[in-house]
Each structure stands twice: as C-alpha cells, then as structure tokens.
Protein backbone atom coordinates (compact mmCIF):
# COMPACT_ATOMS: atom_id res chain seq x y z
CA ARG A 1 86.48 -143.43 -10.60
CA LEU A 2 87.49 -142.14 -14.00
CA THR A 3 84.55 -143.91 -15.63
CA GLY A 4 82.16 -142.19 -13.22
CA GLN A 5 83.69 -138.81 -13.93
CA ALA A 6 83.49 -139.47 -17.67
CA ALA A 7 79.80 -140.39 -17.29
CA ILE A 8 79.10 -137.14 -15.47
CA ARG A 9 80.81 -135.15 -18.23
CA ALA A 10 79.42 -137.10 -21.21
CA THR A 11 77.36 -135.01 -23.61
CA ASP A 12 75.91 -138.00 -25.47
CA ARG A 13 73.02 -139.65 -23.60
CA THR A 14 73.87 -143.14 -24.86
CA ALA A 15 77.48 -142.81 -23.81
CA MET A 16 76.46 -141.50 -20.38
CA THR A 17 74.08 -144.44 -19.87
CA THR A 18 76.72 -146.96 -20.94
CA LEU A 19 79.33 -145.43 -18.65
CA LEU A 20 76.95 -145.28 -15.68
CA ARG A 21 76.11 -148.95 -16.12
CA ALA A 22 79.84 -149.75 -16.26
CA VAL A 23 80.42 -147.77 -13.05
CA LYS A 24 77.77 -149.87 -11.28
CA ARG A 25 80.06 -152.89 -11.71
CA PHE A 26 82.65 -151.23 -9.47
CA PRO A 27 80.95 -150.20 -6.18
CA SER A 28 84.07 -148.57 -4.68
CA ALA A 29 84.34 -146.24 -7.70
CA VAL A 30 80.68 -145.27 -7.41
CA SER A 31 81.04 -144.39 -3.75
CA GLY A 32 84.01 -142.10 -4.45
CA VAL A 33 82.17 -140.12 -7.11
CA ALA A 34 78.97 -140.15 -5.07
CA GLU A 35 80.73 -138.85 -1.96
CA THR A 36 82.33 -136.05 -3.93
CA ALA A 37 78.99 -135.05 -5.44
CA ALA A 38 77.15 -135.26 -2.11
CA SER A 39 79.77 -133.17 -0.37
CA ALA A 40 78.90 -130.34 -2.76
CA LEU A 41 75.64 -129.96 -0.83
CA ALA A 42 75.86 -128.73 2.75
CA GLU A 43 72.66 -130.55 3.63
CA PRO A 44 70.89 -132.74 1.07
CA PRO A 45 67.33 -131.62 0.32
CA ALA A 46 64.43 -133.81 1.35
CA LEU A 47 63.07 -135.69 -1.63
CA THR A 48 59.58 -137.18 -1.68
CA PRO A 49 59.40 -140.98 -1.89
CA ARG A 50 58.39 -140.72 -5.57
CA GLU A 51 61.28 -138.35 -6.31
CA SER A 52 63.65 -140.79 -4.62
CA ASP A 53 62.31 -143.68 -6.72
CA ILE A 54 62.71 -141.67 -9.92
CA GLY A 55 66.15 -140.43 -8.84
CA ARG A 56 67.39 -143.98 -8.26
CA LEU A 57 66.19 -145.03 -11.70
CA VAL A 58 67.86 -142.01 -13.32
CA VAL A 59 71.12 -142.81 -11.52
CA ASP A 60 70.80 -146.39 -12.81
CA GLY A 61 70.80 -144.98 -16.34
CA HIS A 62 67.15 -145.33 -17.34
CA THR A 63 65.52 -142.90 -19.75
CA TYR A 64 62.43 -140.90 -18.76
CA ARG A 65 60.33 -143.15 -21.00
CA GLU A 66 61.71 -146.32 -19.38
CA ILE A 67 61.10 -144.90 -15.91
CA GLY A 68 57.55 -143.99 -16.90
CA GLU A 69 56.90 -147.52 -18.08
CA LEU A 70 58.37 -149.01 -14.90
CA LEU A 71 56.31 -146.72 -12.64
CA HIS A 72 53.19 -146.67 -14.83
CA ILE A 73 53.30 -142.92 -15.41
CA SER A 74 54.05 -140.89 -18.52
CA GLY A 75 57.56 -139.88 -19.50
CA LYS A 76 56.40 -136.28 -19.28
CA THR A 77 55.42 -136.79 -15.62
CA VAL A 78 58.91 -138.18 -14.97
CA GLU A 79 60.31 -135.07 -16.64
CA HIS A 80 58.26 -132.86 -14.29
CA HIS A 81 59.50 -134.80 -11.25
CA MET A 82 63.09 -134.37 -12.47
CA ALA A 83 62.54 -130.62 -12.88
CA ARG A 84 61.47 -130.41 -9.23
CA ILE A 85 64.44 -132.55 -8.15
CA ARG A 86 66.81 -130.37 -10.18
CA ALA A 87 65.36 -127.23 -8.54
CA LYS A 88 65.74 -128.73 -5.05
CA LEU A 89 69.36 -129.65 -5.77
CA GLY A 90 70.13 -126.34 -7.43
CA ALA A 91 71.54 -128.20 -10.42
CA GLN A 92 71.65 -126.64 -13.87
CA ASP A 93 71.94 -129.77 -16.01
CA ARG A 94 71.24 -133.48 -16.03
CA ARG A 95 74.86 -134.50 -15.43
CA THR A 96 75.11 -132.48 -12.25
CA THR A 97 71.69 -133.69 -11.12
CA THR A 98 72.69 -137.32 -11.70
CA ALA A 99 75.95 -136.91 -9.80
CA LEU A 100 74.21 -135.24 -6.85
CA LEU A 101 71.44 -137.85 -6.80
CA SER A 102 74.06 -140.58 -6.82
CA GLY A 103 75.65 -139.06 -3.74
CA ILE A 104 72.37 -138.45 -1.92
CA LEU A 105 70.63 -141.72 -2.73
CA GLY A 106 73.76 -143.82 -2.37
CA GLY A 107 73.49 -143.54 1.42
CA GLU A 108 69.87 -144.67 1.63
C-alpha cells in the first residue's frame, strides 16, 4: 500500500514507473489504493475502448512513446487521449489521473 501511495506522489517519472511496477507484484496493495482512488469519483466516467486501452497501459507504467509503439499510433496521439481522459476524470495531474484510472480500470 505504501509503495502505491509513493508511486502516486512521485515527482520523478522513472521513480513512479519503478514503483508502479513494484506495486503490480502485490495485487492486494493495488486493490487498496485503487479502491481509494475510485471512491473519489461518485460515478466513474465512461471511457471509450481506446481510452481504456491507453489507461491500462499508463497504469502499467508505460510511457506515451511506448504506448504509441504498442498501439501503432504516435506518442502525441496518446498524449491527446490522456488529455481527454484527464478532463473526464477532472484530474489536474498525471499522478491523480493514474490513481483514478487504476481504481476505475481495476474492476474491468
């Protein structure tokens, strides 16, 4: 749980990615952080299938460039999708967006 919270608060992208990957090794910890983040939203917004795919990859710790390569789109297109996701979630930064996506997509 503490690792997940540290990942959410990390200011360094590399550290955040490393911590998120470490959290994935402990499913019970991920669910606790994810439930807390999801409970912040009264009703999760509907994401398009593409937004869900990108959201899952972001939660897994991939960079926009890596996601673009995996989905055969540009990193800039991934960035635009994330901007729409962030707006739907009402999040102000990437850490909050990642935590909320973890909670929303964890149940799918």
